[in-house]
Amino acid sequence: MVPEVPDLTDRKLAALVGPTGVGKTALAMALADHLAIEVVSADSRAVYRWMDIATAKPTPEERRRVPHHLIDVVDPDEPYSLALYQQQALVALAEIDARGRTPLLVGGAGLYVSAVCDGLAMPDVPPDLVFRAEMEARAQREGWPALRADLERVDPRSARRIDPKNVRRVIRALEVHHATGRPFSVWQTPPAVPPVQTTRIGLNLDRQVLFARLDQRIDAWIHGGFVEEVRGLLERGYAPTLPSMSGIGYREIAQVVRGELDLPSAVAQFKHATHQYAKRQLTWFRRDRGIVWLDAATATPEQILALL
């Protein structure tokens, strides 16, 4: 059970956002030398236990140095919703504030950041595996555009907002409408008064520099045991069809472990998908005019302190 969320409307929060691999964790750790912070993760994959490498979780040493919240919350086969994350994150923020420390929201999952900072009324709709299987079977028969057309009929705003290639989110929007009778976009309309006052700071890098950094990081992950991590997850019985295992990297390396794809091809797909994800993250955050952008190559803790 999640405790009742206290009133935080007069409290202040800093959020450090930006694309994957841009250096958010490193800058947060540097900020900890100047300010008594605790980090609340805004990462949709870091909530899963035993999925450490391609989720780029802070290291054990970093977590000993600075308390981190909303990491390793559930097992990979346990359901976890955005509504639950929102509740848990707001409770964590209140507890950090009560200790007299500064809460810092850090992550690149735009919807998770918005759930906390904007207070979207998230529908607490658990996954409906039967409905999802029906949608996926229909898509195989008629093609994915058929699902997009369904969403356009019941929720045109979501149809315009969701990337048509992001089939999982299209199905989720249809699932929420099926369960609640209300369009997903209505649920995503923020309240007039946000739950907390937020200073939003974004980090960005030259795109080619960022892509090169991402590629180097993926190569390091492969050499650092990522294939073995995925093999261990599969051996524990976590199926590659689970939402947790559909994350970028895990789905490609699971194919390698199962003999369905060779490693060089999987790594190439992993890198391409990561580039595309970083671009989608930037597109999401650039819509938020309240974000103050810093160049990640030169950003300092002092710059962040000046904004708080």
Protein backbone atom coordinates (compact mmCIF):
# COMPACT_ATOMS: atom_id res chain seq x y z
CA MET A 1 0.00 0.00 0.00
CA VAL A 2 1.19 3.51 -0.85
CA PRO A 3 0.70 6.10 1.94
CA GLU A 4 -1.58 9.02 1.27
CA VAL A 5 0.25 11.78 -0.57
CA PRO A 6 0.51 14.96 1.55
CA ASP A 7 -0.10 18.41 0.15
CA LEU A 8 3.07 19.55 -1.63
CA THR A 9 1.70 22.49 -3.59
CA ASP A 10 3.82 25.01 -1.67
CA ARG A 11 6.99 22.91 -1.80
CA LYS A 12 9.80 23.24 -4.33
CA LEU A 13 11.37 20.52 -6.44
CA ALA A 14 14.23 20.52 -8.92
CA ALA A 15 14.04 18.22 -11.93
CA LEU A 16 17.09 17.31 -14.01
CA VAL A 17 15.95 15.91 -17.35
CA GLY A 18 17.25 15.13 -20.81
CA PRO A 19 17.96 12.27 -23.19
CA THR A 20 19.57 9.00 -22.21
CA GLY A 21 23.34 9.08 -21.83
CA VAL A 22 23.60 12.86 -21.62
CA GLY A 23 25.16 12.88 -18.14
CA LYS A 24 22.28 13.49 -15.73
CA THR A 25 23.50 11.10 -13.04
CA ALA A 26 27.06 12.45 -13.14
CA LEU A 27 25.86 16.03 -12.73
CA ALA A 28 23.49 15.03 -9.91
CA MET A 29 26.40 13.39 -8.10
CA ALA A 30 28.50 16.52 -8.56
CA LEU A 31 25.64 18.61 -7.19
CA ALA A 32 25.64 16.46 -4.06
CA ASP A 33 29.01 17.98 -3.14
CA HIS A 34 27.28 21.36 -2.81
CA LEU A 35 23.77 20.51 -1.60
CA ALA A 36 22.17 17.87 0.64
CA ILE A 37 20.14 16.13 -2.05
CA GLU A 38 18.26 12.86 -2.41
CA VAL A 39 17.47 11.65 -5.90
CA VAL A 40 14.06 10.43 -7.04
CA SER A 41 14.49 8.44 -10.25
CA ALA A 42 12.23 9.22 -13.20
CA ASP A 43 13.17 6.15 -15.23
CA SER A 44 10.56 3.65 -16.35
CA ARG A 45 13.08 0.75 -16.45
CA ALA A 46 15.12 1.39 -13.32
CA VAL A 47 12.13 0.29 -11.21
CA TYR A 48 12.89 -3.36 -12.10
CA ARG A 49 15.24 -5.47 -9.99
CA TRP A 50 18.08 -7.41 -11.66
CA MET A 51 17.93 -5.19 -14.73
CA ASP A 52 20.95 -3.06 -13.99
CA ILE A 53 23.24 -2.61 -16.97
CA ALA A 54 21.11 -1.28 -19.84
CA THR A 55 18.94 0.69 -17.44
CA ALA A 56 22.11 2.65 -16.54
CA LYS A 57 21.27 2.57 -12.85
CA PRO A 58 23.58 4.54 -10.57
CA THR A 59 26.34 2.35 -9.21
CA PRO A 60 26.16 0.91 -5.68
CA GLU A 61 28.84 3.39 -4.63
CA GLU A 62 26.80 6.30 -6.01
CA ARG A 63 23.72 5.04 -4.21
CA ARG A 64 25.63 4.78 -0.94
CA ARG A 65 26.86 8.32 -1.39
CA VAL A 66 23.50 9.83 -2.34
CA PRO A 67 20.16 8.20 -1.41
CA HIS A 68 18.17 7.20 -4.50
CA HIS A 69 14.46 6.38 -4.58
CA LEU A 70 12.21 4.48 -7.02
CA ILE A 71 14.99 2.13 -8.10
CA ASP A 72 14.60 -1.68 -7.74
CA VAL A 73 10.95 -1.39 -6.74
CA VAL A 74 9.47 -4.51 -8.38
CA ASP A 75 10.54 -7.80 -9.96
CA PRO A 76 10.54 -7.93 -13.78
CA ASP A 77 7.32 -9.94 -13.89
CA GLU A 78 5.38 -7.72 -11.48
CA PRO A 79 2.94 -5.15 -12.88
CA TYR A 80 3.92 -1.53 -12.38
CA SER A 81 1.85 1.42 -13.52
CA LEU A 82 2.49 5.08 -14.11
CA ALA A 83 -0.21 5.85 -11.54
CA LEU A 84 1.65 3.84 -8.90
CA TYR A 85 4.91 5.54 -9.81
CA GLN A 86 3.27 8.93 -9.44
CA GLN A 87 2.03 8.10 -5.95
CA GLN A 88 5.31 6.62 -4.81
CA ALA A 89 7.36 9.49 -6.22
CA LEU A 90 5.24 12.16 -4.54
CA VAL A 91 5.46 10.31 -1.22
CA ALA A 92 9.24 10.06 -1.59
CA LEU A 93 9.45 13.79 -2.33
CA ALA A 94 7.43 14.59 0.79
CA GLU A 95 9.60 12.34 2.97
CA ILE A 96 12.81 13.89 1.63
CA ASP A 97 11.45 17.38 2.24
CA ALA A 98 10.44 16.41 5.79
CA ARG A 99 14.03 15.37 6.48
CA GLY A 100 15.18 18.87 5.55
CA ARG A 101 16.96 17.67 2.44
CA THR A 102 16.50 18.75 -1.19
CA PRO A 103 14.62 16.36 -3.50
CA LEU A 104 16.01 16.12 -7.04
CA LEU A 105 13.97 14.35 -9.72
CA VAL A 106 16.38 12.85 -12.26
CA GLY A 107 15.47 11.00 -15.42
CA GLY A 108 14.57 10.91 -19.06
CA ALA A 109 11.12 9.29 -19.05
CA GLY A 110 9.03 12.28 -20.09
CA LEU A 111 5.72 10.86 -18.97
CA TYR A 112 7.13 9.99 -15.55
CA VAL A 113 8.52 13.50 -15.14
CA SER A 114 5.21 15.02 -16.21
CA ALA A 115 3.24 12.75 -13.86
CA VAL A 116 5.15 14.18 -10.90
CA CYS A 117 5.68 17.78 -11.97
CA ASP A 118 2.36 18.42 -13.72
CA GLY A 119 0.16 16.10 -11.69
CA LEU A 120 -1.54 14.27 -14.52
CA ALA A 121 -4.49 12.20 -13.28
CA MET A 122 -3.10 8.80 -14.14
CA PRO A 123 -5.64 5.99 -14.58
CA ASP A 124 -4.72 3.11 -12.29
CA VAL A 125 -5.59 0.51 -14.91
CA PRO A 126 -3.65 -2.75 -14.56
CA PRO A 127 -2.51 -4.54 -17.73
CA ASP A 128 -5.30 -6.49 -19.40
CA LEU A 129 -3.39 -9.34 -20.98
CA VAL A 130 -6.43 -10.72 -22.81
CA PHE A 131 -7.23 -7.34 -24.37
CA ARG A 132 -3.59 -6.81 -25.34
CA ALA A 133 -3.39 -10.26 -26.95
CA GLU A 134 -6.56 -9.50 -28.93
CA MET A 135 -5.11 -6.19 -30.13
CA GLU A 136 -1.82 -7.78 -31.11
CA ALA A 137 -3.58 -10.60 -32.96
CA ARG A 138 -5.76 -8.08 -34.79
CA ALA A 139 -2.70 -6.06 -35.72
CA GLN A 140 -1.08 -9.15 -37.20
CA ARG A 141 -4.19 -9.85 -39.26
CA GLU A 142 -4.97 -6.31 -40.39
CA GLY A 143 -1.74 -4.39 -39.79
CA TRP A 144 -0.80 -1.88 -37.09
CA PRO A 145 -2.59 1.02 -38.88
CA ALA A 146 -5.87 -0.68 -37.94
CA LEU A 147 -5.16 -0.04 -34.26
CA ARG A 148 -4.15 3.52 -35.01
CA ALA A 149 -7.50 4.00 -36.78
CA ASP A 150 -9.31 2.64 -33.71
CA LEU A 151 -7.47 5.12 -31.50
CA GLU A 152 -8.28 7.96 -33.89
CA ARG A 153 -11.99 7.17 -33.50
CA VAL A 154 -12.07 7.02 -29.69
CA ASP A 155 -9.24 9.41 -28.79
CA PRO A 156 -8.01 11.62 -31.65
CA ARG A 157 -5.81 13.68 -29.31
CA SER A 158 -3.84 10.62 -28.24
CA ALA A 159 -3.68 9.42 -31.83
CA ARG A 160 -1.99 12.69 -32.79
CA ARG A 161 0.32 12.68 -29.76
CA ILE A 162 1.55 9.07 -29.76
CA ASP A 163 4.24 8.04 -32.21
CA PRO A 164 2.48 5.59 -34.58
CA LYS A 165 5.57 3.36 -34.44
CA ASN A 166 5.18 3.03 -30.68
CA VAL A 167 2.66 0.23 -30.87
CA ARG A 168 2.84 -0.55 -27.15
CA ARG A 169 1.63 2.95 -26.27
CA VAL A 170 -1.14 2.80 -28.90
CA ILE A 171 -2.40 -0.43 -27.34
CA ARG A 172 -2.10 1.08 -23.85
CA ALA A 173 -4.21 4.08 -24.86
CA LEU A 174 -6.87 1.75 -26.28
CA GLU A 175 -6.65 -0.40 -23.13
CA VAL A 176 -7.29 2.60 -20.85
CA HIS A 177 -10.29 3.66 -22.94
CA HIS A 178 -11.58 0.08 -22.91
CA ALA A 179 -11.28 -0.13 -19.10
CA THR A 180 -12.50 3.33 -18.10
CA GLY A 181 -14.69 4.51 -20.97
CA ARG A 182 -12.66 7.74 -21.01
CA PRO A 183 -10.04 8.75 -23.59
CA PHE A 184 -6.45 8.41 -22.43
CA SER A 185 -5.88 12.07 -23.35
CA VAL A 186 -8.55 13.17 -20.85
CA TRP A 187 -6.66 11.38 -18.11
CA GLN A 188 -3.50 13.15 -19.25
CA THR A 189 -4.94 16.65 -18.87
CA PRO A 190 -3.00 18.30 -16.02
CA PRO A 191 -4.83 20.03 -13.15
CA ALA A 192 -4.90 23.82 -12.86
CA VAL A 193 -2.56 23.69 -9.86
CA PRO A 194 0.41 21.29 -10.14
CA PRO A 195 1.20 19.11 -7.11
CA VAL A 196 4.61 20.71 -6.55
CA GLN A 197 6.52 23.80 -7.71
CA THR A 198 9.25 22.63 -10.05
CA THR A 199 12.40 24.14 -11.46
CA ARG A 200 13.11 22.11 -14.58
CA ILE A 201 16.66 21.91 -15.91
CA GLY A 202 17.43 20.12 -19.16
CA LEU A 203 20.75 18.76 -20.38
CA ASN A 204 21.57 18.47 -24.05
CA LEU A 205 24.56 17.67 -26.24
CA ASP A 206 25.38 18.02 -29.90
CA ARG A 207 23.49 15.14 -31.49
CA GLN A 208 26.49 13.44 -33.07
CA VAL A 209 28.47 13.74 -29.84
CA LEU A 210 25.53 12.22 -27.95
CA PHE A 211 25.17 9.36 -30.43
CA ALA A 212 28.89 8.59 -30.23
CA ARG A 213 28.68 8.57 -26.44
CA LEU A 214 25.68 6.23 -26.56
CA ASP A 215 27.47 3.84 -28.91
CA GLN A 216 30.53 3.75 -26.67
CA ARG A 217 28.34 3.10 -23.65
CA ILE A 218 26.58 0.20 -25.36
CA ASP A 219 29.92 -1.34 -26.36
CA ALA A 220 31.05 -1.04 -22.73
CA TRP A 221 27.83 -2.70 -21.56
CA ILE A 222 28.35 -5.64 -23.92
CA HIS A 223 31.92 -6.11 -22.71
CA GLY A 224 30.79 -5.57 -19.12
CA GLY A 225 28.41 -8.52 -18.92
CA PHE A 226 25.12 -7.38 -20.43
CA VAL A 227 24.63 -10.61 -22.39
CA GLU A 228 25.13 -12.56 -19.17
CA GLU A 229 22.64 -10.31 -17.35
CA VAL A 230 19.96 -11.00 -19.96
CA ARG A 231 20.75 -14.71 -19.96
CA GLY A 232 20.30 -14.73 -16.19
CA LEU A 233 16.93 -13.01 -16.47
CA LEU A 234 15.71 -15.57 -19.01
CA GLU A 235 17.01 -18.43 -16.87
CA ARG A 236 15.02 -17.05 -13.93
CA GLY A 237 11.92 -17.44 -16.09
CA TYR A 238 11.35 -13.83 -17.10
CA ALA A 239 9.88 -14.14 -20.58
CA PRO A 240 11.03 -11.76 -23.34
CA THR A 241 7.36 -10.85 -23.87
CA LEU A 242 7.12 -9.15 -20.45
CA PRO A 243 6.80 -5.34 -20.55
CA SER A 244 10.01 -5.09 -18.53
CA MET A 245 11.91 -7.18 -21.06
CA SER A 246 10.65 -5.15 -24.01
CA GLY A 247 13.04 -2.34 -23.12
CA ILE A 248 15.68 -1.28 -25.63
CA GLY A 249 18.65 -3.62 -25.43
CA TYR A 250 16.92 -6.34 -23.44
CA ARG A 251 14.72 -7.36 -26.34
CA GLU A 252 17.65 -7.47 -28.81
CA ILE A 253 20.03 -9.37 -26.52
CA ALA A 254 17.27 -11.79 -25.53
CA GLN A 255 17.15 -12.75 -29.22
CA VAL A 256 20.89 -13.40 -29.12
CA VAL A 257 20.60 -15.62 -26.05
CA ARG A 258 17.78 -17.57 -27.69
CA GLY A 259 19.77 -18.04 -30.90
CA GLU A 260 17.45 -15.89 -32.99
CA LEU A 261 19.96 -13.12 -33.80
CA ASP A 262 23.73 -12.80 -33.99
CA LEU A 263 25.45 -10.44 -31.56
CA PRO A 264 26.78 -7.86 -34.09
CA SER A 265 23.29 -7.46 -35.61
CA ALA A 266 21.72 -7.16 -32.16
CA VAL A 267 24.22 -4.50 -31.12
CA ALA A 268 23.58 -2.54 -34.34
CA GLN A 269 19.83 -2.68 -33.70
CA PHE A 270 20.39 -1.74 -30.05
CA LYS A 271 22.38 1.34 -31.05
CA HIS A 272 19.90 2.45 -33.70
CA ALA A 273 16.95 2.06 -31.34
CA THR A 274 18.79 4.01 -28.64
CA HIS A 275 19.48 6.88 -31.06
CA GLN A 276 15.80 6.98 -31.98
CA TYR A 277 14.78 6.92 -28.34
CA ALA A 278 17.09 9.82 -27.50
CA LYS A 279 15.54 11.85 -30.33
CA ARG A 280 12.04 11.09 -29.05
CA GLN A 281 13.06 12.17 -25.55
CA LEU A 282 14.37 15.49 -26.85
CA THR A 283 11.18 16.04 -28.85
CA TRP A 284 9.12 15.44 -25.72
CA PHE A 285 11.11 17.76 -23.47
CA ARG A 286 11.43 20.54 -26.04
CA ARG A 287 7.66 20.97 -25.90
CA ASP A 288 8.06 22.09 -22.29
CA ARG A 289 8.85 25.80 -22.40
CA GLY A 290 9.53 25.84 -18.68
CA ILE A 291 12.78 23.89 -19.05
CA VAL A 292 16.04 25.83 -18.72
CA TRP A 293 18.52 24.12 -21.04
CA LEU A 294 22.22 23.67 -20.27
CA ASP A 295 24.98 22.29 -22.45
CA ALA A 296 25.87 18.97 -20.85
CA ALA A 297 29.48 19.33 -22.04
CA THR A 298 30.00 22.40 -19.83
CA ALA A 299 27.19 22.30 -17.24
CA THR A 300 28.31 22.72 -13.61
CA PRO A 301 26.66 22.29 -10.21
CA GLU A 302 27.06 26.05 -9.71
CA GLN A 303 24.83 26.70 -12.72
CA ILE A 304 22.12 24.49 -11.23
CA LEU A 305 22.45 26.10 -7.81
CA ALA A 306 21.96 29.52 -9.41
CA LEU A 307 18.62 28.34 -10.83
CA LEU A 308 17.21 26.92 -7.60
